[in-house]
Amino acid sequence: MRLAVLAMAALLLLAVPLASPLLADEAAEVRELVQPRIVEVVGLLKSNNIGKAERNRKIIAIADSMFDFELMAKLSLGQTHWSPLAPAQRDEFVRVFVERLQESYLEKLDLYTDEEVVVDEAKPVKSRVYLTTHLVSKTDRKEMIYKFYKGKAGWKVYDVEILGVSVVQTYRSQFDGFLKQGTFAELMVKLKTSGEFSLPTGNEQPPSGTGKKP
């Protein structure tokens, strides 16, 4: 029995170095996925040869290829509030949430001037990959971390940290606070109103806990 245990331990030790290149390859895969898309978005923001509506349409199409917006909606509402919902309510929440999230995303991009986007190395974190980027100006450097999971459709973003503050956690904190006193129907009325709930700016205090991941 002792020899069998030692043999198993030896096999596990041998397996550890073999796992690292695989994770590194996946991290590199994520970086290669994101880099050209960020370059494309920055190019659209800098271009003077495209109307704003067309520019936004193309940017959202790029975002759709990278983000799992439906999962972000579910995680942002939280399992406690998601589970009791009927399928029609879930569908409506996802649709409206994604509209507001994309709207907020485009509003933030409207603040872009001449900053450079630096894509750093992606890092494997358990079964996820975190890709750090920096928005660099002459006087400032802002960090954003894109968190990816791998599903049937490949690598998708399920959360973003802006200056250390999670987008999913920010929305979840807002929704949870509202639903402690209000109803889901009232939440939907608020959510359908532009500006009632918003993306983090980086000035907020990070909500406690890390939340569940996909």
C-alpha atoms as a PDB file:
ATOM      1  CA  MET A   1       0.000   0.000   0.000  1.00  0.00           C
ATOM      2  CA  ARG A   2       2.829   2.395   0.926  1.00  0.00           C
ATOM      3  CA  LEU A   3       4.548   1.755  -2.416  1.00  0.00           C
ATOM      4  CA  ALA A   4       1.278   2.398  -4.258  1.00  0.00           C
ATOM      5  CA  VAL A   5       0.832   5.727  -2.478  1.00  0.00           C
ATOM      6  CA  LEU A   6       4.409   6.762  -3.245  1.00  0.00           C
ATOM      7  CA  ALA A   7       3.962   5.768  -6.870  1.00  0.00           C
ATOM      8  CA  MET A   8       0.788   7.849  -7.134  1.00  0.00           C
ATOM      9  CA  ALA A   9       2.539  10.817  -5.509  1.00  0.00           C
ATOM     10  CA  ALA A  10       5.392  10.496  -7.993  1.00  0.00           C
ATOM     11  CA  LEU A  11       2.947  10.504 -10.899  1.00  0.00           C
ATOM     12  CA  LEU A  12       1.240  13.630  -9.559  1.00  0.00           C
ATOM     13  CA  LEU A  13       4.580  15.392  -9.194  1.00  0.00           C
ATOM     14  CA  LEU A  14       5.458  14.476 -12.752  1.00  0.00           C
ATOM     15  CA  ALA A  15       2.089  15.801 -13.938  1.00  0.00           C
ATOM     16  CA  VAL A  16       2.502  19.248 -12.398  1.00  0.00           C
ATOM     17  CA  PRO A  17       5.111  20.562 -14.860  1.00  0.00           C
ATOM     18  CA  LEU A  18       3.035  19.193 -17.723  1.00  0.00           C
ATOM     19  CA  ALA A  19      -0.026  21.271 -16.690  1.00  0.00           C
ATOM     20  CA  SER A  20       1.785  24.631 -16.727  1.00  0.00           C
ATOM     21  CA  PRO A  21       2.517  24.809 -20.494  1.00  0.00           C
ATOM     22  CA  LEU A  22      -1.129  23.973 -21.218  1.00  0.00           C
ATOM     23  CA  LEU A  23      -2.335  26.848 -19.040  1.00  0.00           C
ATOM     24  CA  ALA A  24       0.283  29.126 -20.563  1.00  0.00           C
ATOM     25  CA  ASP A  25      -0.887  28.178 -24.055  1.00  0.00           C
ATOM     26  CA  GLU A  26      -4.481  28.985 -23.138  1.00  0.00           C
ATOM     27  CA  ALA A  27      -3.438  32.341 -21.690  1.00  0.00           C
ATOM     28  CA  ALA A  28      -1.559  33.113 -24.893  1.00  0.00           C
ATOM     29  CA  GLU A  29      -4.646  32.070 -26.865  1.00  0.00           C
ATOM     30  CA  VAL A  30      -6.769  34.607 -24.963  1.00  0.00           C
ATOM     31  CA  ARG A  31      -4.233  37.385 -25.554  1.00  0.00           C
ATOM     32  CA  GLU A  32      -4.122  36.600 -29.271  1.00  0.00           C
ATOM     33  CA  LEU A  33      -7.935  36.692 -29.305  1.00  0.00           C
ATOM     34  CA  VAL A  34      -8.179  40.091 -27.620  1.00  0.00           C
ATOM     35  CA  GLN A  35      -5.244  42.028 -29.073  1.00  0.00           C
ATOM     36  CA  PRO A  36      -6.608  42.504 -32.631  1.00  0.00           C
ATOM     37  CA  ARG A  37     -10.090  43.339 -31.351  1.00  0.00           C
ATOM     38  CA  ILE A  38      -8.774  46.088 -29.086  1.00  0.00           C
ATOM     39  CA  VAL A  39      -6.708  47.459 -31.959  1.00  0.00           C
ATOM     40  CA  GLU A  40      -9.867  47.443 -34.097  1.00  0.00           C
ATOM     41  CA  VAL A  41     -11.927  49.287 -31.446  1.00  0.00           C
ATOM     42  CA  VAL A  42      -9.206  51.928 -30.940  1.00  0.00           C
ATOM     43  CA  GLY A  43      -9.010  52.376 -34.699  1.00  0.00           C
ATOM     44  CA  LEU A  44     -12.770  53.010 -34.835  1.00  0.00           C
ATOM     45  CA  LEU A  45     -12.538  55.525 -31.980  1.00  0.00           C
ATOM     46  CA  LYS A  46      -9.757  57.423 -33.726  1.00  0.00           C
ATOM     47  CA  SER A  47     -11.366  57.400 -37.177  1.00  0.00           C
ATOM     48  CA  ASN A  48     -12.945  60.558 -38.546  1.00  0.00           C
ATOM     49  CA  ASN A  49     -14.339  58.713 -41.563  1.00  0.00           C
ATOM     50  CA  ILE A  50     -17.221  56.940 -39.879  1.00  0.00           C
ATOM     51  CA  GLY A  51     -20.450  58.206 -38.300  1.00  0.00           C
ATOM     52  CA  LYS A  52     -21.057  57.663 -34.590  1.00  0.00           C
ATOM     53  CA  ALA A  53     -24.010  55.318 -35.116  1.00  0.00           C
ATOM     54  CA  GLU A  54     -22.071  53.088 -37.498  1.00  0.00           C
ATOM     55  CA  ARG A  55     -19.011  53.228 -35.245  1.00  0.00           C
ATOM     56  CA  ASN A  56     -21.074  52.127 -32.238  1.00  0.00           C
ATOM     57  CA  ARG A  57     -22.687  49.320 -34.215  1.00  0.00           C
ATOM     58  CA  LYS A  58     -19.285  47.942 -35.175  1.00  0.00           C
ATOM     59  CA  ILE A  59     -17.926  48.288 -31.632  1.00  0.00           C
ATOM     60  CA  ILE A  60     -20.898  46.395 -30.171  1.00  0.00           C
ATOM     61  CA  ALA A  61     -20.414  43.664 -32.779  1.00  0.00           C
ATOM     62  CA  ILE A  62     -16.800  43.302 -31.626  1.00  0.00           C
ATOM     63  CA  ALA A  63     -17.888  43.245 -27.974  1.00  0.00           C
ATOM     64  CA  ASP A  64     -20.534  40.599 -28.723  1.00  0.00           C
ATOM     65  CA  SER A  65     -17.798  38.330 -30.071  1.00  0.00           C
ATOM     66  CA  MET A  66     -15.830  38.617 -26.810  1.00  0.00           C
ATOM     67  CA  PHE A  67     -18.381  38.975 -23.999  1.00  0.00           C
ATOM     68  CA  ASP A  68     -20.896  36.500 -22.612  1.00  0.00           C
ATOM     69  CA  PHE A  69     -23.450  39.208 -21.872  1.00  0.00           C
ATOM     70  CA  GLU A  70     -26.148  36.718 -20.878  1.00  0.00           C
ATOM     71  CA  LEU A  71     -23.915  35.185 -18.212  1.00  0.00           C
ATOM     72  CA  MET A  72     -22.889  38.650 -17.001  1.00  0.00           C
ATOM     73  CA  ALA A  73     -26.582  39.465 -16.575  1.00  0.00           C
ATOM     74  CA  LYS A  74     -27.199  36.317 -14.520  1.00  0.00           C
ATOM     75  CA  LEU A  75     -24.121  36.849 -12.340  1.00  0.00           C
ATOM     76  CA  SER A  76     -24.978  40.518 -11.837  1.00  0.00           C
ATOM     77  CA  LEU A  77     -28.472  39.735 -10.569  1.00  0.00           C
ATOM     78  CA  GLY A  78     -27.136  36.955  -8.349  1.00  0.00           C
ATOM     79  CA  GLN A  79     -28.382  33.420  -7.816  1.00  0.00           C
ATOM     80  CA  THR A  80     -30.722  34.416  -4.956  1.00  0.00           C
ATOM     81  CA  HIS A  81     -32.731  36.759  -7.178  1.00  0.00           C
ATOM     82  CA  TRP A  82     -32.264  34.800 -10.431  1.00  0.00           C
ATOM     83  CA  SER A  83     -33.551  31.408  -9.270  1.00  0.00           C
ATOM     84  CA  PRO A  84     -37.185  32.442  -8.505  1.00  0.00           C
ATOM     85  CA  LEU A  85     -37.684  34.118 -11.888  1.00  0.00           C
ATOM     86  CA  ALA A  86     -39.845  32.578 -14.590  1.00  0.00           C
ATOM     87  CA  PRO A  87     -38.186  32.004 -17.998  1.00  0.00           C
ATOM     88  CA  ALA A  88     -39.950  35.042 -19.486  1.00  0.00           C
ATOM     89  CA  GLN A  89     -38.711  37.233 -16.632  1.00  0.00           C
ATOM     90  CA  ARG A  90     -35.167  35.959 -17.095  1.00  0.00           C
ATOM     91  CA  ASP A  91     -35.301  36.665 -20.822  1.00  0.00           C
ATOM     92  CA  GLU A  92     -36.590  40.189 -20.224  1.00  0.00           C
ATOM     93  CA  PHE A  93     -33.955  40.905 -17.588  1.00  0.00           C
ATOM     94  CA  VAL A  94     -31.120  39.691 -19.819  1.00  0.00           C
ATOM     95  CA  ARG A  95     -32.375  41.729 -22.779  1.00  0.00           C
ATOM     96  CA  VAL A  96     -32.742  44.979 -20.838  1.00  0.00           C
ATOM     97  CA  PHE A  97     -29.562  44.462 -18.811  1.00  0.00           C
ATOM     98  CA  VAL A  98     -27.503  43.909 -21.960  1.00  0.00           C
ATOM     99  CA  GLU A  99     -28.998  47.052 -23.528  1.00  0.00           C
ATOM    100  CA  ARG A 100     -28.027  49.125 -20.460  1.00  0.00           C
ATOM    101  CA  LEU A 101     -24.580  47.515 -20.199  1.00  0.00           C
ATOM    102  CA  GLN A 102     -23.783  48.179 -23.845  1.00  0.00           C
ATOM    103  CA  GLU A 103     -25.119  51.718 -23.519  1.00  0.00           C
ATOM    104  CA  SER A 104     -22.852  52.367 -20.524  1.00  0.00           C
ATOM    105  CA  TYR A 105     -19.918  50.792 -22.365  1.00  0.00           C
ATOM    106  CA  LEU A 106     -20.384  53.115 -25.333  1.00  0.00           C
ATOM    107  CA  GLU A 107     -20.750  56.146 -23.051  1.00  0.00           C
ATOM    108  CA  LYS A 108     -17.408  55.311 -21.442  1.00  0.00           C
ATOM    109  CA  LEU A 109     -15.802  54.965 -24.880  1.00  0.00           C
ATOM    110  CA  ASP A 110     -17.051  58.439 -25.789  1.00  0.00           C
ATOM    111  CA  LEU A 111     -14.591  59.749 -23.170  1.00  0.00           C
ATOM    112  CA  TYR A 112     -11.676  58.320 -25.165  1.00  0.00           C
ATOM    113  CA  THR A 113      -9.234  60.920 -26.471  1.00  0.00           C
ATOM    114  CA  ASP A 114      -5.731  59.860 -27.468  1.00  0.00           C
ATOM    115  CA  GLU A 115      -4.895  57.241 -24.859  1.00  0.00           C
ATOM    116  CA  GLU A 116      -2.868  54.172 -25.766  1.00  0.00           C
ATOM    117  CA  VAL A 117      -4.245  50.734 -24.888  1.00  0.00           C
ATOM    118  CA  VAL A 118      -1.517  48.385 -23.675  1.00  0.00           C
ATOM    119  CA  VAL A 119      -2.364  44.679 -23.601  1.00  0.00           C
ATOM    120  CA  ASP A 120      -0.246  42.878 -20.997  1.00  0.00           C
ATOM    121  CA  GLU A 121       0.305  39.156 -20.658  1.00  0.00           C
ATOM    122  CA  ALA A 122      -2.692  36.997 -19.807  1.00  0.00           C
ATOM    123  CA  LYS A 123      -2.440  34.902 -16.646  1.00  0.00           C
ATOM    124  CA  PRO A 124      -4.165  31.596 -15.877  1.00  0.00           C
ATOM    125  CA  VAL A 125      -6.128  31.699 -12.602  1.00  0.00           C
ATOM    126  CA  LYS A 126      -7.377  28.190 -11.847  1.00  0.00           C
ATOM    127  CA  SER A 127      -9.602  27.347 -14.836  1.00  0.00           C
ATOM    128  CA  ARG A 128      -9.967  30.999 -15.865  1.00  0.00           C
ATOM    129  CA  VAL A 129      -7.694  33.451 -17.642  1.00  0.00           C
ATOM    130  CA  TYR A 130      -7.252  37.049 -16.535  1.00  0.00           C
ATOM    131  CA  LEU A 131      -6.016  39.538 -19.125  1.00  0.00           C
ATOM    132  CA  THR A 132      -4.709  42.851 -17.829  1.00  0.00           C
ATOM    133  CA  THR A 133      -4.807  45.937 -20.013  1.00  0.00           C
ATOM    134  CA  HIS A 134      -3.833  49.528 -19.303  1.00  0.00           C
ATOM    135  CA  LEU A 135      -5.257  52.738 -20.704  1.00  0.00           C
ATOM    136  CA  VAL A 136      -2.237  55.016 -20.832  1.00  0.00           C
ATOM    137  CA  SER A 137      -2.252  58.773 -21.314  1.00  0.00           C
ATOM    138  CA  LYS A 138       0.534  61.337 -20.853  1.00  0.00           C
ATOM    139  CA  THR A 139      -0.443  61.820 -17.212  1.00  0.00           C
ATOM    140  CA  ASP A 140      -2.314  58.667 -16.176  1.00  0.00           C
ATOM    141  CA  ARG A 141      -2.391  54.873 -16.369  1.00  0.00           C
ATOM    142  CA  LYS A 142      -5.647  53.009 -15.708  1.00  0.00           C
ATOM    143  CA  GLU A 143      -5.826  49.248 -15.235  1.00  0.00           C
ATOM    144  CA  MET A 144      -8.605  47.012 -16.550  1.00  0.00           C
ATOM    145  CA  ILE A 145      -8.686  43.245 -16.079  1.00  0.00           C
ATOM    146  CA  TYR A 146     -10.795  41.119 -18.413  1.00  0.00           C
ATOM    147  CA  LYS A 147     -11.824  37.792 -16.855  1.00  0.00           C
ATOM    148  CA  PHE A 148     -12.360  34.905 -19.277  1.00  0.00           C
ATOM    149  CA  TYR A 149     -13.844  31.438 -18.962  1.00  0.00           C
ATOM    150  CA  LYS A 150     -13.882  28.770 -21.651  1.00  0.00           C
ATOM    151  CA  GLY A 151     -17.257  27.417 -22.720  1.00  0.00           C
ATOM    152  CA  LYS A 152     -18.725  25.751 -25.783  1.00  0.00           C
ATOM    153  CA  ALA A 153     -18.306  28.987 -27.759  1.00  0.00           C
ATOM    154  CA  GLY A 154     -14.646  29.334 -26.748  1.00  0.00           C
ATOM    155  CA  TRP A 155     -13.135  31.989 -24.494  1.00  0.00           C
ATOM    156  CA  LYS A 156     -15.606  34.635 -23.326  1.00  0.00           C
ATOM    157  CA  VAL A 157     -15.451  37.531 -20.869  1.00  0.00           C
ATOM    158  CA  TYR A 158     -17.680  37.056 -17.818  1.00  0.00           C
ATOM    159  CA  ASP A 159     -16.479  40.065 -15.802  1.00  0.00           C
ATOM    160  CA  VAL A 160     -14.246  43.119 -16.030  1.00  0.00           C
ATOM    161  CA  GLU A 161     -12.426  44.892 -13.236  1.00  0.00           C
ATOM    162  CA  ILE A 162     -12.017  48.642 -13.718  1.00  0.00           C
ATOM    163  CA  LEU A 163      -9.313  50.003 -11.415  1.00  0.00           C
ATOM    164  CA  GLY A 164      -9.888  47.052  -9.105  1.00  0.00           C
ATOM    165  CA  VAL A 165     -13.687  47.285  -9.084  1.00  0.00           C
ATOM    166  CA  SER A 166     -15.710  44.440 -10.633  1.00  0.00           C
ATOM    167  CA  VAL A 167     -18.462  45.318 -13.108  1.00  0.00           C
ATOM    168  CA  VAL A 168     -20.502  42.261 -12.069  1.00  0.00           C
ATOM    169  CA  GLN A 169     -20.055  42.956  -8.347  1.00  0.00           C
ATOM    170  CA  THR A 170     -20.979  46.634  -8.803  1.00  0.00           C
ATOM    171  CA  TYR A 171     -24.235  45.792 -10.549  1.00  0.00           C
ATOM    172  CA  ARG A 172     -24.984  42.988  -8.095  1.00  0.00           C
ATOM    173  CA  SER A 173     -24.536  45.346  -5.162  1.00  0.00           C
ATOM    174  CA  GLN A 174     -26.891  47.884  -6.772  1.00  0.00           C
ATOM    175  CA  PHE A 175     -29.521  45.272  -7.658  1.00  0.00           C
ATOM    176  CA  ASP A 176     -29.341  43.526  -4.297  1.00  0.00           C
ATOM    177  CA  GLY A 177     -29.681  46.814  -2.434  1.00  0.00           C
ATOM    178  CA  PHE A 178     -32.738  47.739  -4.494  1.00  0.00           C
ATOM    179  CA  LEU A 179     -34.406  44.330  -4.141  1.00  0.00           C
ATOM    180  CA  LYS A 180     -34.119  44.346  -0.358  1.00  0.00           C
ATOM    181  CA  GLN A 181     -37.032  46.780  -0.389  1.00  0.00           C
ATOM    182  CA  GLY A 182     -38.347  46.779  -3.954  1.00  0.00           C
ATOM    183  CA  THR A 183     -39.821  44.116  -6.234  1.00  0.00           C
ATOM    184  CA  PHE A 184     -38.407  42.609  -9.407  1.00  0.00           C
ATOM    185  CA  ALA A 185     -41.070  44.452 -11.440  1.00  0.00           C
ATOM    186  CA  GLU A 186     -39.949  47.747  -9.897  1.00  0.00           C
ATOM    187  CA  LEU A 187     -36.326  46.863 -10.640  1.00  0.00           C
ATOM    188  CA  MET A 188     -37.197  46.342 -14.290  1.00  0.00           C
ATOM    189  CA  VAL A 189     -38.842  49.765 -14.457  1.00  0.00           C
ATOM    190  CA  LYS A 190     -35.648  51.308 -13.063  1.00  0.00           C
ATOM    191  CA  LEU A 191     -33.415  49.233 -15.333  1.00  0.00           C
ATOM    192  CA  LYS A 192     -35.335  50.360 -18.401  1.00  0.00           C
ATOM    193  CA  THR A 193     -34.518  53.961 -17.480  1.00  0.00           C
ATOM    194  CA  SER A 194     -31.141  54.988 -18.810  1.00  0.00           C
ATOM    195  CA  GLY A 195     -28.641  55.987 -16.136  1.00  0.00           C
ATOM    196  CA  GLU A 196     -30.389  54.394 -13.135  1.00  0.00           C
ATOM    197  CA  PHE A 197     -27.685  51.743 -12.806  1.00  0.00           C
ATOM    198  CA  SER A 198     -24.179  52.240 -14.124  1.00  0.00           C
ATOM    199  CA  LEU A 199     -20.760  50.751 -14.686  1.00  0.00           C
ATOM    200  CA  PRO A 200     -18.060  51.320 -12.072  1.00  0.00           C
ATOM    201  CA  THR A 201     -15.712  54.256 -12.577  1.00  0.00           C
ATOM    202  CA  GLY A 202     -12.969  52.949 -10.319  1.00  0.00           C
ATOM    203  CA  ASN A 203     -13.766  55.383  -7.519  1.00  0.00           C
ATOM    204  CA  GLU A 204     -16.124  52.976  -5.754  1.00  0.00           C
ATOM    205  CA  GLN A 205     -15.206  50.756  -2.817  1.00  0.00           C
ATOM    206  CA  PRO A 206     -15.041  47.130  -4.008  1.00  0.00           C
ATOM    207  CA  PRO A 207     -18.062  45.129  -2.739  1.00  0.00           C
ATOM    208  CA  SER A 208     -17.225  42.458  -0.176  1.00  0.00           C
ATOM    209  CA  GLY A 209     -16.794  38.916  -1.457  1.00  0.00           C
ATOM    210  CA  THR A 210     -15.760  37.708  -4.867  1.00  0.00           C
ATOM    211  CA  GLY A 211     -19.075  36.263  -6.030  1.00  0.00           C
ATOM    212  CA  LYS A 212     -19.655  33.059  -7.925  1.00  0.00           C
ATOM    213  CA  LYS A 213     -17.991  32.465 -11.248  1.00  0.00           C
ATOM    214  CA  PRO A 214     -19.277  30.369 -14.131  1.00  0.00           C
END
